[in-house]
Amino acid sequence: MPTLDTQRLDSDNRNLVRKIQKALAFIAPKTVPLPTTLFMAGGSLIDLKVAGWLPVGLVTPDGYEFGRDVSKADVSALGYASPVRSDVESVARSVKMTALETGKKHMLELTLGTDLSAVTQTLANGEIVIDEPDLPVGQEYRMLIIGSDGPAADNWILARGYGSVKLASTDSQKWGTGDALQDSLTFDVFTDAVVGVPVKHYMGGTGAVKNKLALGFTQGS
């Protein structure tokens, strides 16, 4: 007869405990499709820059935060202390990060909400002059965030792909000797008509191959 300890040993798997050690984020115009897979035939990652994705760059050590705020409606009944029915009404998803790199054209277009395609840089002194609009244009983007955990022989790649995100808010920026310049960015997530879902979750790598039985998914080709 099984005991609690024998069932615990059969149920628990420390190989499935993940901690993201490295990660990177990309944005892209909505003309760029979300990848159907992150891997090429040989097992290496696809080249996202070649595919049209633009890097966010360095972020603060707290990394990326994925919000999922569920709003539900409960139905109460006479004589019952607990709800007798509960329905999800909305799920507000968000992505937060604090970018450290300053000056990239596509990131300035994102944060200022303006088109900078006509802005040029003076060759002699490197100067760039940008007019910030009174009312930013809320451009929607694709977003892809990829994280890695573990050595090459036991590596896990986790990623989230968003068909449509829009900058919802930024924080104040401080100029001083204490901290590097940084932009705190919060994005709202929408369901894109082409992608069909708000988020695509990706998981793979040599670690996922080693632990395929524990993951429990039907094996494809």
N, C-alpha and C. Protein backbone atom coordinates (compact mmCIF):
# COMPACT_ATOMS: atom_id res chain seq x y z
N MET A 1 0.85 -1.20 0.00
CA MET A 1 0.00 0.00 0.00
C MET A 1 0.89 1.25 0.00
N PRO A 2 0.62 2.21 -0.89
CA PRO A 2 1.47 3.39 -0.95
C PRO A 2 1.32 4.27 0.28
N THR A 3 2.42 4.89 0.67
CA THR A 3 2.41 5.84 1.77
C THR A 3 2.46 7.26 1.19
N LEU A 4 2.33 8.23 2.06
CA LEU A 4 2.42 9.62 1.61
C LEU A 4 3.78 9.89 0.99
N ASP A 5 4.84 9.34 1.62
CA ASP A 5 6.19 9.60 1.12
C ASP A 5 6.43 8.95 -0.24
N THR A 6 5.96 7.72 -0.44
CA THR A 6 6.17 7.08 -1.74
C THR A 6 5.38 7.78 -2.84
N GLN A 7 4.18 8.25 -2.51
CA GLN A 7 3.40 8.99 -3.50
C GLN A 7 4.01 10.37 -3.77
N ARG A 8 4.61 10.96 -2.74
CA ARG A 8 5.27 12.25 -2.93
C ARG A 8 6.48 12.10 -3.85
N LEU A 9 7.28 11.06 -3.64
CA LEU A 9 8.44 10.83 -4.49
C LEU A 9 8.04 10.56 -5.94
N ASP A 10 6.88 9.92 -6.11
CA ASP A 10 6.40 9.64 -7.46
C ASP A 10 5.76 10.86 -8.12
N SER A 11 5.32 11.82 -7.31
CA SER A 11 4.60 12.99 -7.83
C SER A 11 5.50 14.20 -8.03
N ASP A 12 6.44 14.41 -7.13
CA ASP A 12 7.29 15.60 -7.19
C ASP A 12 8.45 15.40 -8.14
N ASN A 13 8.82 16.46 -8.85
CA ASN A 13 9.93 16.39 -9.80
C ASN A 13 10.69 17.72 -9.76
N ARG A 14 11.85 17.71 -9.11
CA ARG A 14 12.60 18.96 -8.98
C ARG A 14 13.18 19.43 -10.32
N ASN A 15 13.23 18.54 -11.31
CA ASN A 15 13.72 18.94 -12.64
C ASN A 15 12.76 19.90 -13.34
N LEU A 16 11.54 20.01 -12.83
CA LEU A 16 10.56 20.91 -13.43
C LEU A 16 10.47 22.24 -12.68
N VAL A 17 11.37 22.46 -11.72
CA VAL A 17 11.43 23.74 -11.02
C VAL A 17 12.33 24.67 -11.81
N ARG A 18 11.76 25.70 -12.39
CA ARG A 18 12.50 26.58 -13.29
C ARG A 18 12.73 27.95 -12.65
N LYS A 19 13.87 28.53 -13.01
CA LYS A 19 14.21 29.89 -12.61
C LYS A 19 14.88 30.55 -13.81
N ILE A 20 14.31 31.63 -14.30
CA ILE A 20 14.86 32.27 -15.50
C ILE A 20 16.17 32.97 -15.16
N GLN A 21 17.25 32.49 -15.78
CA GLN A 21 18.58 33.04 -15.53
C GLN A 21 18.92 34.18 -16.50
N LYS A 22 18.47 34.04 -17.73
CA LYS A 22 18.72 35.06 -18.76
C LYS A 22 17.44 35.23 -19.57
N ALA A 23 17.20 36.46 -20.02
CA ALA A 23 16.00 36.71 -20.81
C ALA A 23 16.21 37.92 -21.71
N LEU A 24 15.45 37.98 -22.76
CA LEU A 24 15.50 39.13 -23.66
C LEU A 24 14.12 39.35 -24.26
N ALA A 25 13.87 40.61 -24.60
CA ALA A 25 12.56 40.99 -25.14
C ALA A 25 12.73 41.67 -26.48
N PHE A 26 11.73 41.46 -27.34
CA PHE A 26 11.70 42.08 -28.66
C PHE A 26 10.32 42.66 -28.89
N ILE A 27 10.27 43.73 -29.69
CA ILE A 27 9.01 44.24 -30.20
C ILE A 27 9.10 44.23 -31.73
N ALA A 28 7.95 44.30 -32.39
CA ALA A 28 7.93 44.31 -33.85
C ALA A 28 6.64 44.96 -34.32
N PRO A 29 6.66 45.54 -35.52
CA PRO A 29 5.39 46.02 -36.10
C PRO A 29 4.43 44.84 -36.27
N LYS A 30 3.15 45.15 -36.37
CA LYS A 30 2.15 44.09 -36.49
C LYS A 30 2.17 43.41 -37.85
N THR A 31 3.01 43.92 -38.75
CA THR A 31 3.21 43.23 -40.03
C THR A 31 4.12 42.02 -39.89
N VAL A 32 4.84 41.94 -38.77
CA VAL A 32 5.73 40.80 -38.51
C VAL A 32 4.94 39.73 -37.77
N PRO A 33 4.88 38.50 -38.29
CA PRO A 33 4.09 37.45 -37.63
C PRO A 33 4.80 36.90 -36.39
N LEU A 34 4.00 36.46 -35.44
CA LEU A 34 4.57 35.70 -34.32
C LEU A 34 5.11 34.37 -34.85
N PRO A 35 6.26 33.92 -34.37
CA PRO A 35 6.79 32.65 -34.88
C PRO A 35 5.91 31.48 -34.46
N THR A 36 5.77 30.51 -35.35
CA THR A 36 5.05 29.28 -35.00
C THR A 36 5.92 28.37 -34.15
N THR A 37 7.25 28.52 -34.26
CA THR A 37 8.19 27.78 -33.43
C THR A 37 9.41 28.66 -33.22
N LEU A 38 10.10 28.47 -32.09
CA LEU A 38 11.31 29.23 -31.79
C LEU A 38 12.57 28.52 -32.28
N PHE A 39 12.41 27.28 -32.77
CA PHE A 39 13.57 26.46 -33.08
C PHE A 39 13.66 26.14 -34.57
N MET A 40 14.91 26.08 -35.04
CA MET A 40 15.18 25.60 -36.38
C MET A 40 15.32 24.08 -36.35
N ALA A 41 15.49 23.48 -37.51
CA ALA A 41 15.52 22.02 -37.63
C ALA A 41 16.60 21.39 -36.77
N GLY A 42 17.76 22.03 -36.64
CA GLY A 42 18.86 21.46 -35.86
C GLY A 42 18.74 21.66 -34.37
N GLY A 43 17.73 22.38 -33.92
CA GLY A 43 17.55 22.60 -32.49
C GLY A 43 18.00 23.96 -32.01
N SER A 44 18.66 24.75 -32.87
CA SER A 44 19.08 26.08 -32.46
C SER A 44 17.92 27.06 -32.62
N LEU A 45 18.03 28.19 -31.94
CA LEU A 45 16.96 29.18 -31.99
C LEU A 45 16.94 29.91 -33.33
N ILE A 46 15.77 30.34 -33.73
CA ILE A 46 15.64 31.12 -34.95
C ILE A 46 16.27 32.51 -34.74
N ASP A 47 16.67 33.15 -35.82
CA ASP A 47 17.26 34.49 -35.76
C ASP A 47 16.14 35.51 -35.81
N LEU A 48 15.82 36.09 -34.66
CA LEU A 48 14.67 36.98 -34.57
C LEU A 48 14.93 38.32 -35.24
N LYS A 49 16.16 38.79 -35.20
CA LYS A 49 16.47 40.06 -35.87
C LYS A 49 16.26 39.96 -37.37
N VAL A 50 16.67 38.84 -37.94
CA VAL A 50 16.46 38.62 -39.37
C VAL A 50 14.97 38.61 -39.70
N ALA A 51 14.17 38.09 -38.76
CA ALA A 51 12.72 38.00 -38.97
C ALA A 51 12.01 39.35 -38.77
N GLY A 52 12.75 40.38 -38.37
CA GLY A 52 12.15 41.70 -38.24
C GLY A 52 11.86 42.15 -36.83
N TRP A 53 12.35 41.41 -35.84
CA TRP A 53 12.12 41.78 -34.45
C TRP A 53 13.20 42.74 -33.96
N LEU A 54 12.79 43.73 -33.14
CA LEU A 54 13.68 44.78 -32.66
C LEU A 54 13.91 44.61 -31.16
N PRO A 55 15.17 44.59 -30.71
CA PRO A 55 15.45 44.30 -29.30
C PRO A 55 15.12 45.45 -28.36
N VAL A 56 14.53 45.12 -27.22
CA VAL A 56 14.33 46.10 -26.15
C VAL A 56 15.67 46.43 -25.51
N GLY A 57 16.53 45.40 -25.37
CA GLY A 57 17.85 45.60 -24.79
C GLY A 57 17.88 45.32 -23.30
N LEU A 58 18.88 45.88 -22.64
CA LEU A 58 19.09 45.65 -21.21
C LEU A 58 17.91 46.15 -20.38
N VAL A 59 17.55 45.35 -19.36
CA VAL A 59 16.52 45.77 -18.40
C VAL A 59 17.08 45.59 -17.00
N THR A 60 16.40 46.15 -16.02
CA THR A 60 16.84 46.04 -14.63
C THR A 60 16.74 44.59 -14.14
N PRO A 61 17.44 44.25 -13.04
CA PRO A 61 17.48 42.85 -12.58
C PRO A 61 16.12 42.24 -12.23
N ASP A 62 15.10 43.07 -11.96
CA ASP A 62 13.79 42.48 -11.66
C ASP A 62 13.12 41.92 -12.91
N GLY A 63 13.71 42.16 -14.09
CA GLY A 63 13.29 41.46 -15.30
C GLY A 63 11.92 41.85 -15.80
N TYR A 64 11.12 40.84 -16.11
CA TYR A 64 9.83 41.02 -16.76
C TYR A 64 8.72 40.48 -15.86
N GLU A 65 7.66 41.24 -15.75
CA GLU A 65 6.52 40.84 -14.91
C GLU A 65 5.29 40.70 -15.78
N PHE A 66 4.64 39.54 -15.69
CA PHE A 66 3.46 39.24 -16.50
C PHE A 66 2.22 39.26 -15.60
N GLY A 67 1.40 40.29 -15.78
CA GLY A 67 0.21 40.42 -14.95
C GLY A 67 -0.98 39.70 -15.56
N ARG A 68 -1.84 39.18 -14.70
CA ARG A 68 -3.06 38.50 -15.14
C ARG A 68 -4.13 38.72 -14.09
N ASP A 69 -4.90 39.79 -14.26
CA ASP A 69 -5.90 40.20 -13.30
C ASP A 69 -7.27 39.67 -13.72
N VAL A 70 -7.75 38.67 -12.99
CA VAL A 70 -9.01 38.01 -13.31
C VAL A 70 -10.15 38.69 -12.56
N SER A 71 -11.18 39.08 -13.29
CA SER A 71 -12.38 39.64 -12.68
C SER A 71 -13.53 38.65 -12.87
N LYS A 72 -14.23 38.34 -11.77
CA LYS A 72 -15.30 37.34 -11.87
C LYS A 72 -16.56 37.84 -11.17
N ALA A 73 -17.66 37.22 -11.52
CA ALA A 73 -18.96 37.54 -10.92
C ALA A 73 -19.48 36.30 -10.21
N ASP A 74 -19.84 36.46 -8.94
CA ASP A 74 -20.35 35.35 -8.15
C ASP A 74 -21.87 35.42 -8.03
N VAL A 75 -22.47 34.25 -7.95
CA VAL A 75 -23.92 34.16 -7.73
C VAL A 75 -24.14 33.58 -6.34
N SER A 76 -24.86 34.32 -5.51
CA SER A 76 -25.17 33.84 -4.16
C SER A 76 -26.58 33.27 -4.09
N ALA A 77 -26.82 32.44 -3.10
CA ALA A 77 -28.14 31.82 -2.94
C ALA A 77 -28.56 31.89 -1.47
N LEU A 78 -29.83 31.98 -1.29
CA LEU A 78 -30.38 32.05 0.06
C LEU A 78 -30.01 30.80 0.85
N GLY A 79 -29.44 31.01 2.02
CA GLY A 79 -29.10 29.90 2.90
C GLY A 79 -27.70 29.36 2.70
N TYR A 80 -26.94 29.93 1.77
CA TYR A 80 -25.57 29.46 1.50
C TYR A 80 -24.58 30.59 1.75
N ALA A 81 -23.54 30.31 2.51
CA ALA A 81 -22.51 31.31 2.80
C ALA A 81 -21.54 31.47 1.64
N SER A 82 -21.34 30.39 0.88
CA SER A 82 -20.43 30.44 -0.26
C SER A 82 -21.21 30.64 -1.55
N PRO A 83 -20.59 31.24 -2.56
CA PRO A 83 -21.27 31.38 -3.85
C PRO A 83 -21.65 30.03 -4.42
N VAL A 84 -22.76 29.99 -5.15
CA VAL A 84 -23.19 28.74 -5.79
C VAL A 84 -22.75 28.68 -7.25
N ARG A 85 -22.26 29.81 -7.75
CA ARG A 85 -21.74 29.84 -9.11
C ARG A 85 -20.77 31.01 -9.23
N SER A 86 -19.74 30.82 -10.08
CA SER A 86 -18.77 31.89 -10.32
C SER A 86 -18.37 31.87 -11.79
N ASP A 87 -18.39 33.05 -12.43
CA ASP A 87 -18.06 33.15 -13.85
C ASP A 87 -16.99 34.22 -14.05
N VAL A 88 -16.00 33.90 -14.88
CA VAL A 88 -14.98 34.87 -15.23
C VAL A 88 -15.56 35.86 -16.22
N GLU A 89 -15.47 37.14 -15.90
CA GLU A 89 -16.00 38.20 -16.77
C GLU A 89 -14.92 38.82 -17.64
N SER A 90 -13.71 38.96 -17.11
CA SER A 90 -12.62 39.55 -17.88
C SER A 90 -11.29 39.13 -17.30
N VAL A 91 -10.26 39.14 -18.15
CA VAL A 91 -8.89 38.87 -17.73
C VAL A 91 -8.03 39.97 -18.33
N ALA A 92 -7.58 40.89 -17.49
CA ALA A 92 -6.73 41.99 -17.94
C ALA A 92 -5.27 41.56 -17.83
N ARG A 93 -4.61 41.43 -18.98
CA ARG A 93 -3.21 40.99 -19.00
C ARG A 93 -2.29 42.17 -19.24
N SER A 94 -1.09 42.09 -18.66
CA SER A 94 -0.14 43.19 -18.81
C SER A 94 1.28 42.64 -18.78
N VAL A 95 2.22 43.43 -19.29
CA VAL A 95 3.64 43.12 -19.24
C VAL A 95 4.36 44.35 -18.72
N LYS A 96 5.26 44.15 -17.75
CA LYS A 96 6.01 45.27 -17.18
C LYS A 96 7.51 44.98 -17.28
N MET A 97 8.27 46.03 -17.52
CA MET A 97 9.73 45.93 -17.56
C MET A 97 10.30 47.32 -17.36
N THR A 98 11.58 47.40 -16.98
CA THR A 98 12.27 48.68 -16.86
C THR A 98 13.49 48.64 -17.75
N ALA A 99 13.42 49.38 -18.87
CA ALA A 99 14.49 49.38 -19.86
C ALA A 99 15.62 50.30 -19.44
N LEU A 100 16.85 49.86 -19.70
CA LEU A 100 18.03 50.63 -19.30
C LEU A 100 18.73 51.31 -20.47
N GLU A 101 18.59 50.78 -21.66
CA GLU A 101 19.29 51.37 -22.80
C GLU A 101 18.56 52.63 -23.28
N THR A 102 19.34 53.64 -23.64
CA THR A 102 18.79 54.93 -24.02
C THR A 102 19.17 55.29 -25.45
N GLY A 103 18.21 55.71 -26.25
CA GLY A 103 18.50 56.30 -27.54
C GLY A 103 18.09 55.50 -28.76
N LYS A 104 17.69 54.23 -28.59
CA LYS A 104 17.28 53.46 -29.76
C LYS A 104 16.04 54.08 -30.41
N LYS A 105 16.09 54.21 -31.72
CA LYS A 105 15.00 54.86 -32.44
C LYS A 105 13.67 54.18 -32.18
N HIS A 106 13.62 52.86 -32.30
CA HIS A 106 12.33 52.18 -32.15
C HIS A 106 11.79 52.26 -30.73
N MET A 107 12.70 52.36 -29.74
CA MET A 107 12.24 52.49 -28.35
C MET A 107 11.75 53.91 -28.07
N LEU A 108 12.38 54.91 -28.69
CA LEU A 108 11.89 56.28 -28.54
C LEU A 108 10.54 56.44 -29.23
N GLU A 109 10.36 55.81 -30.37
CA GLU A 109 9.05 55.84 -31.03
C GLU A 109 7.99 55.23 -30.13
N LEU A 110 8.35 54.16 -29.44
CA LEU A 110 7.43 53.49 -28.53
C LEU A 110 7.08 54.38 -27.35
N THR A 111 8.08 54.92 -26.66
CA THR A 111 7.84 55.66 -25.43
C THR A 111 7.25 57.05 -25.67
N LEU A 112 7.65 57.71 -26.77
CA LEU A 112 7.13 59.04 -27.06
C LEU A 112 5.84 59.01 -27.86
N GLY A 113 5.54 57.88 -28.47
CA GLY A 113 4.31 57.75 -29.25
C GLY A 113 4.32 58.58 -30.51
N THR A 114 5.43 58.51 -31.26
CA THR A 114 5.54 59.30 -32.47
C THR A 114 6.39 58.58 -33.51
N ASP A 115 6.22 58.95 -34.76
CA ASP A 115 6.99 58.38 -35.87
C ASP A 115 8.27 59.18 -36.05
N LEU A 116 9.42 58.51 -35.97
CA LEU A 116 10.71 59.19 -36.08
C LEU A 116 11.43 58.85 -37.39
N SER A 117 10.70 58.33 -38.35
CA SER A 117 11.34 57.92 -39.60
C SER A 117 11.94 59.10 -40.36
N ALA A 118 11.43 60.32 -40.14
CA ALA A 118 11.95 61.49 -40.85
C ALA A 118 13.07 62.19 -40.08
N VAL A 119 13.35 61.74 -38.86
CA VAL A 119 14.39 62.38 -38.04
C VAL A 119 15.76 61.89 -38.48
N THR A 120 16.70 62.81 -38.65
CA THR A 120 18.06 62.46 -39.06
C THR A 120 19.06 62.86 -37.98
N GLN A 121 20.23 62.24 -38.03
CA GLN A 121 21.31 62.54 -37.10
C GLN A 121 22.40 63.34 -37.81
N THR A 122 22.82 64.45 -37.21
CA THR A 122 23.87 65.28 -37.78
C THR A 122 25.20 64.55 -37.72
N LEU A 123 25.85 64.43 -38.86
CA LEU A 123 27.08 63.65 -38.95
C LEU A 123 28.22 64.27 -38.14
N ALA A 124 28.33 65.60 -38.17
CA ALA A 124 29.49 66.26 -37.56
C ALA A 124 29.52 66.13 -36.04
N ASN A 125 28.37 66.29 -35.40
CA ASN A 125 28.36 66.27 -33.93
C ASN A 125 27.47 65.20 -33.33
N GLY A 126 26.82 64.38 -34.16
CA GLY A 126 25.98 63.29 -33.67
C GLY A 126 24.64 63.70 -33.13
N GLU A 127 24.26 64.97 -33.30
CA GLU A 127 23.04 65.46 -32.68
C GLU A 127 21.78 64.93 -33.35
N ILE A 128 20.80 64.60 -32.49
CA ILE A 128 19.46 64.20 -32.92
C ILE A 128 18.47 65.08 -32.18
N VAL A 129 17.54 65.70 -32.88
CA VAL A 129 16.54 66.56 -32.25
C VAL A 129 15.16 65.95 -32.51
N ILE A 130 14.44 65.69 -31.42
CA ILE A 130 13.14 65.03 -31.50
C ILE A 130 12.08 65.92 -30.87
N ASP A 131 10.99 66.14 -31.59
CA ASP A 131 9.84 66.87 -31.06
C ASP A 131 8.85 65.87 -30.47
N GLU A 132 8.63 65.98 -29.16
CA GLU A 132 7.65 65.11 -28.51
C GLU A 132 6.25 65.66 -28.72
N PRO A 133 5.33 64.86 -29.25
CA PRO A 133 3.97 65.36 -29.51
C PRO A 133 3.19 65.60 -28.23
N ASP A 134 2.25 66.51 -28.30
CA ASP A 134 1.39 66.79 -27.14
C ASP A 134 0.56 65.57 -26.78
N LEU A 135 0.01 64.91 -27.81
CA LEU A 135 -0.79 63.71 -27.59
C LEU A 135 -0.12 62.53 -28.29
N PRO A 136 0.42 61.58 -27.52
CA PRO A 136 1.10 60.44 -28.14
C PRO A 136 0.13 59.58 -28.96
N VAL A 137 0.65 58.98 -30.01
CA VAL A 137 -0.12 58.05 -30.83
C VAL A 137 0.09 56.65 -30.25
N GLY A 138 -0.99 56.02 -29.85
CA GLY A 138 -0.90 54.70 -29.21
C GLY A 138 -0.72 53.58 -30.22
N GLN A 139 0.50 53.36 -30.63
CA GLN A 139 0.79 52.31 -31.61
C GLN A 139 0.74 50.94 -30.95
N GLU A 140 0.18 49.96 -31.64
CA GLU A 140 0.19 48.58 -31.16
C GLU A 140 1.34 47.82 -31.80
N TYR A 141 1.94 46.92 -31.03
CA TYR A 141 3.11 46.16 -31.46
C TYR A 141 2.90 44.68 -31.16
N ARG A 142 3.69 43.86 -31.83
CA ARG A 142 3.89 42.49 -31.39
C ARG A 142 5.01 42.51 -30.34
N MET A 143 5.00 41.51 -29.45
CA MET A 143 6.06 41.41 -28.44
C MET A 143 6.42 39.95 -28.22
N LEU A 144 7.70 39.70 -28.02
CA LEU A 144 8.19 38.35 -27.76
C LEU A 144 9.24 38.43 -26.67
N ILE A 145 9.05 37.67 -25.60
CA ILE A 145 10.00 37.64 -24.48
C ILE A 145 10.45 36.20 -24.28
N ILE A 146 11.77 35.99 -24.33
CA ILE A 146 12.35 34.65 -24.27
C ILE A 146 13.26 34.54 -23.06
N GLY A 147 13.08 33.48 -22.27
CA GLY A 147 13.92 33.23 -21.11
C GLY A 147 14.62 31.89 -21.22
N SER A 148 15.77 31.78 -20.56
CA SER A 148 16.58 30.56 -20.60
C SER A 148 16.97 30.15 -19.19
N ASP A 149 17.01 28.84 -18.96
CA ASP A 149 17.41 28.29 -17.66
C ASP A 149 18.19 27.00 -17.88
N GLY A 150 19.33 26.88 -17.23
CA GLY A 150 20.08 25.64 -17.26
C GLY A 150 21.19 25.61 -18.30
N PRO A 151 22.12 24.66 -18.15
CA PRO A 151 23.24 24.52 -19.09
C PRO A 151 22.78 23.95 -20.43
N ALA A 152 23.69 23.95 -21.40
CA ALA A 152 23.33 23.54 -22.76
C ALA A 152 22.75 22.13 -22.80
N ALA A 153 23.29 21.21 -21.98
CA ALA A 153 22.83 19.83 -22.01
C ALA A 153 21.48 19.64 -21.32
N ASP A 154 21.06 20.61 -20.53
CA ASP A 154 19.79 20.51 -19.82
C ASP A 154 19.14 21.89 -19.80
N ASN A 155 18.96 22.45 -20.98
CA ASN A 155 18.51 23.83 -21.13
C ASN A 155 17.01 23.90 -21.39
N TRP A 156 16.40 24.86 -20.73
CA TRP A 156 14.97 25.11 -20.94
C TRP A 156 14.80 26.49 -21.56
N ILE A 157 14.02 26.57 -22.59
CA ILE A 157 13.65 27.83 -23.22
C ILE A 157 12.16 28.05 -22.98
N LEU A 158 11.85 29.13 -22.28
CA LEU A 158 10.46 29.51 -22.04
C LEU A 158 10.23 30.87 -22.70
N ALA A 159 9.11 31.05 -23.34
CA ALA A 159 8.84 32.31 -24.02
C ALA A 159 7.36 32.62 -24.01
N ARG A 160 7.07 33.90 -24.17
CA ARG A 160 5.70 34.38 -24.31
C ARG A 160 5.63 35.29 -25.53
N GLY A 161 4.68 35.01 -26.42
CA GLY A 161 4.48 35.81 -27.61
C GLY A 161 3.14 36.52 -27.54
N TYR A 162 3.15 37.80 -27.82
CA TYR A 162 1.93 38.62 -27.75
C TYR A 162 1.62 39.18 -29.14
N GLY A 163 0.43 38.92 -29.62
CA GLY A 163 0.04 39.40 -30.93
C GLY A 163 -0.22 40.89 -30.97
N SER A 164 -0.59 41.47 -29.83
CA SER A 164 -0.88 42.90 -29.80
C SER A 164 -0.68 43.45 -28.39
N VAL A 165 0.30 44.35 -28.24
CA VAL A 165 0.49 45.07 -26.98
C VAL A 165 0.53 46.56 -27.27
N LYS A 166 0.18 47.33 -26.27
CA LYS A 166 0.18 48.79 -26.40
C LYS A 166 0.70 49.40 -25.11
N LEU A 167 1.59 50.37 -25.23
CA LEU A 167 2.14 51.02 -24.05
C LEU A 167 1.02 51.69 -23.26
N ALA A 168 0.87 51.28 -22.00
CA ALA A 168 -0.20 51.80 -21.16
C ALA A 168 0.28 52.93 -20.26
N SER A 169 1.52 52.81 -19.76
CA SER A 169 2.02 53.84 -18.86
C SER A 169 3.54 53.78 -18.77
N THR A 170 4.12 54.92 -18.44
CA THR A 170 5.54 55.02 -18.12
C THR A 170 5.66 55.72 -16.78
N ASP A 171 6.83 55.58 -16.16
CA ASP A 171 7.07 56.24 -14.88
C ASP A 171 7.94 57.46 -15.10
N SER A 172 8.15 58.23 -14.05
CA SER A 172 9.02 59.40 -14.14
C SER A 172 10.46 58.95 -14.37
N GLN A 173 11.24 59.80 -15.03
CA GLN A 173 12.65 59.51 -15.28
C GLN A 173 13.50 60.46 -14.48
N LYS A 174 14.50 59.92 -13.78
CA LYS A 174 15.35 60.73 -12.91
C LYS A 174 16.73 60.89 -13.53
N TRP A 175 17.22 62.11 -13.54
CA TRP A 175 18.59 62.39 -13.93
C TRP A 175 19.38 62.71 -12.67
N GLY A 176 20.34 61.87 -12.35
CA GLY A 176 21.16 62.08 -11.16
C GLY A 176 22.30 61.09 -11.11
N THR A 177 23.12 61.19 -10.10
CA THR A 177 24.31 60.32 -9.99
C THR A 177 23.99 58.96 -9.41
N GLY A 178 22.80 58.80 -8.82
CA GLY A 178 22.50 57.56 -8.12
C GLY A 178 22.17 56.38 -9.01
N ASP A 179 21.41 56.63 -10.07
CA ASP A 179 20.92 55.54 -10.92
C ASP A 179 21.17 55.86 -12.39
N ALA A 180 21.23 54.78 -13.17
CA ALA A 180 21.28 54.95 -14.62
C ALA A 180 19.92 55.43 -15.11
N LEU A 181 19.91 56.08 -16.26
CA LEU A 181 18.63 56.45 -16.87
C LEU A 181 17.83 55.18 -17.16
N GLN A 182 16.57 55.21 -16.85
CA GLN A 182 15.74 54.03 -17.07
C GLN A 182 14.31 54.42 -17.35
N ASP A 183 13.63 53.56 -18.13
CA ASP A 183 12.24 53.77 -18.49
C ASP A 183 11.42 52.60 -18.00
N SER A 184 10.52 52.87 -17.06
CA SER A 184 9.60 51.85 -16.56
C SER A 184 8.40 51.78 -17.49
N LEU A 185 8.19 50.61 -18.11
CA LEU A 185 7.18 50.45 -19.15
C LEU A 185 6.13 49.42 -18.74
N THR A 186 4.88 49.77 -18.90
CA THR A 186 3.78 48.84 -18.67
C THR A 186 2.96 48.75 -19.95
N PHE A 187 2.73 47.53 -20.41
CA PHE A 187 1.99 47.29 -21.65
C PHE A 187 0.66 46.60 -21.35
N ASP A 188 -0.39 47.04 -22.01
CA ASP A 188 -1.65 46.30 -22.02
C ASP A 188 -1.59 45.26 -23.14
N VAL A 189 -2.24 44.13 -22.91
CA VAL A 189 -2.26 43.02 -23.87
C VAL A 189 -3.66 42.87 -24.45
N PHE A 190 -3.72 42.72 -25.78
CA PHE A 190 -5.00 42.54 -26.46
C PHE A 190 -4.99 41.24 -27.26
N THR A 191 -6.17 40.77 -27.61
CA THR A 191 -6.28 39.62 -28.50
C THR A 191 -6.24 40.10 -29.93
N ASP A 192 -5.15 39.75 -30.63
CA ASP A 192 -4.99 40.17 -32.01
C ASP A 192 -5.87 39.33 -32.93
N ALA A 193 -6.48 39.97 -33.93
CA ALA A 193 -7.41 39.27 -34.83
C ALA A 193 -6.70 38.19 -35.64
N VAL A 194 -5.44 38.41 -36.00
CA VAL A 194 -4.71 37.43 -36.80
C VAL A 194 -4.21 36.28 -35.93
N VAL A 195 -3.62 36.61 -34.80
CA VAL A 195 -3.08 35.57 -33.90
C VAL A 195 -4.21 34.78 -33.27
N GLY A 196 -5.27 35.47 -32.88
CA GLY A 196 -6.46 34.78 -32.37
C GLY A 196 -6.49 34.56 -30.87
N VAL A 197 -5.36 34.75 -30.19
CA VAL A 197 -5.30 34.59 -28.74
C VAL A 197 -4.46 35.73 -28.17
N PRO A 198 -4.61 36.05 -26.87
CA PRO A 198 -3.80 37.12 -26.31
C PRO A 198 -2.34 36.75 -26.11
N VAL A 199 -2.07 35.48 -25.78
CA VAL A 199 -0.70 35.07 -25.47
C VAL A 199 -0.43 33.69 -26.06
N LYS A 200 0.74 33.54 -26.67
CA LYS A 200 1.25 32.23 -27.04
C LYS A 200 2.38 31.87 -26.07
N HIS A 201 2.30 30.69 -25.47
CA HIS A 201 3.33 30.22 -24.56
C HIS A 201 4.21 29.19 -25.27
N TYR A 202 5.52 29.39 -25.20
CA TYR A 202 6.47 28.47 -25.83
C TYR A 202 7.32 27.82 -24.74
N MET A 203 7.62 26.53 -24.91
CA MET A 203 8.50 25.82 -23.98
C MET A 203 9.25 24.75 -24.77
N GLY A 204 10.55 24.71 -24.63
CA GLY A 204 11.34 23.72 -25.36
C GLY A 204 12.77 23.67 -24.86
N GLY A 205 13.64 23.07 -25.68
CA GLY A 205 15.04 22.94 -25.31
C GLY A 205 15.41 21.53 -24.90
N THR A 206 16.70 21.33 -24.66
CA THR A 206 17.19 19.99 -24.29
C THR A 206 16.59 19.51 -22.98
N GLY A 207 16.32 20.41 -22.05
CA GLY A 207 15.69 20.02 -20.79
C GLY A 207 14.28 19.51 -20.98
N ALA A 208 13.55 20.13 -21.89
CA ALA A 208 12.19 19.67 -22.18
C ALA A 208 12.19 18.31 -22.86
N VAL A 209 13.23 18.05 -23.67
CA VAL A 209 13.36 16.73 -24.30
C VAL A 209 13.64 15.67 -23.25
N LYS A 210 14.57 15.96 -22.33
CA LYS A 210 14.93 14.99 -21.28
C LYS A 210 13.75 14.66 -20.38
N ASN A 211 12.89 15.63 -20.14
CA ASN A 211 11.80 15.45 -19.17
C ASN A 211 10.44 15.35 -19.86
N LYS A 212 10.42 14.82 -21.08
CA LYS A 212 9.17 14.78 -21.84
C LYS A 212 8.10 13.93 -21.17
N LEU A 213 8.48 12.85 -20.51
CA LEU A 213 7.49 12.01 -19.85
C LEU A 213 6.86 12.72 -18.66
N ALA A 214 7.68 13.44 -17.91
CA ALA A 214 7.18 14.17 -16.76
C ALA A 214 6.26 15.31 -17.18
N LEU A 215 6.52 15.91 -18.33
CA LEU A 215 5.67 17.00 -18.81
C LEU A 215 4.28 16.52 -19.18
N GLY A 216 4.17 15.31 -19.72
CA GLY A 216 2.86 14.68 -19.91
C GLY A 216 2.15 14.98 -21.20
N PHE A 217 2.83 15.63 -22.15
CA PHE A 217 2.18 15.95 -23.41
C PHE A 217 2.29 14.81 -24.41
N THR A 218 1.31 14.70 -25.29
CA THR A 218 1.38 13.71 -26.38
C THR A 218 2.55 14.06 -27.29
N GLN A 219 3.36 13.06 -27.63
CA GLN A 219 4.54 13.28 -28.45
C GLN A 219 4.18 13.37 -29.92
N GLY A 220 4.61 14.48 -30.55
CA GLY A 220 4.38 14.64 -31.98
C GLY A 220 5.63 14.29 -32.77
N SER A 221 5.68 14.73 -34.01
CA SER A 221 6.83 14.42 -34.87
C SER A 221 7.98 15.38 -34.59
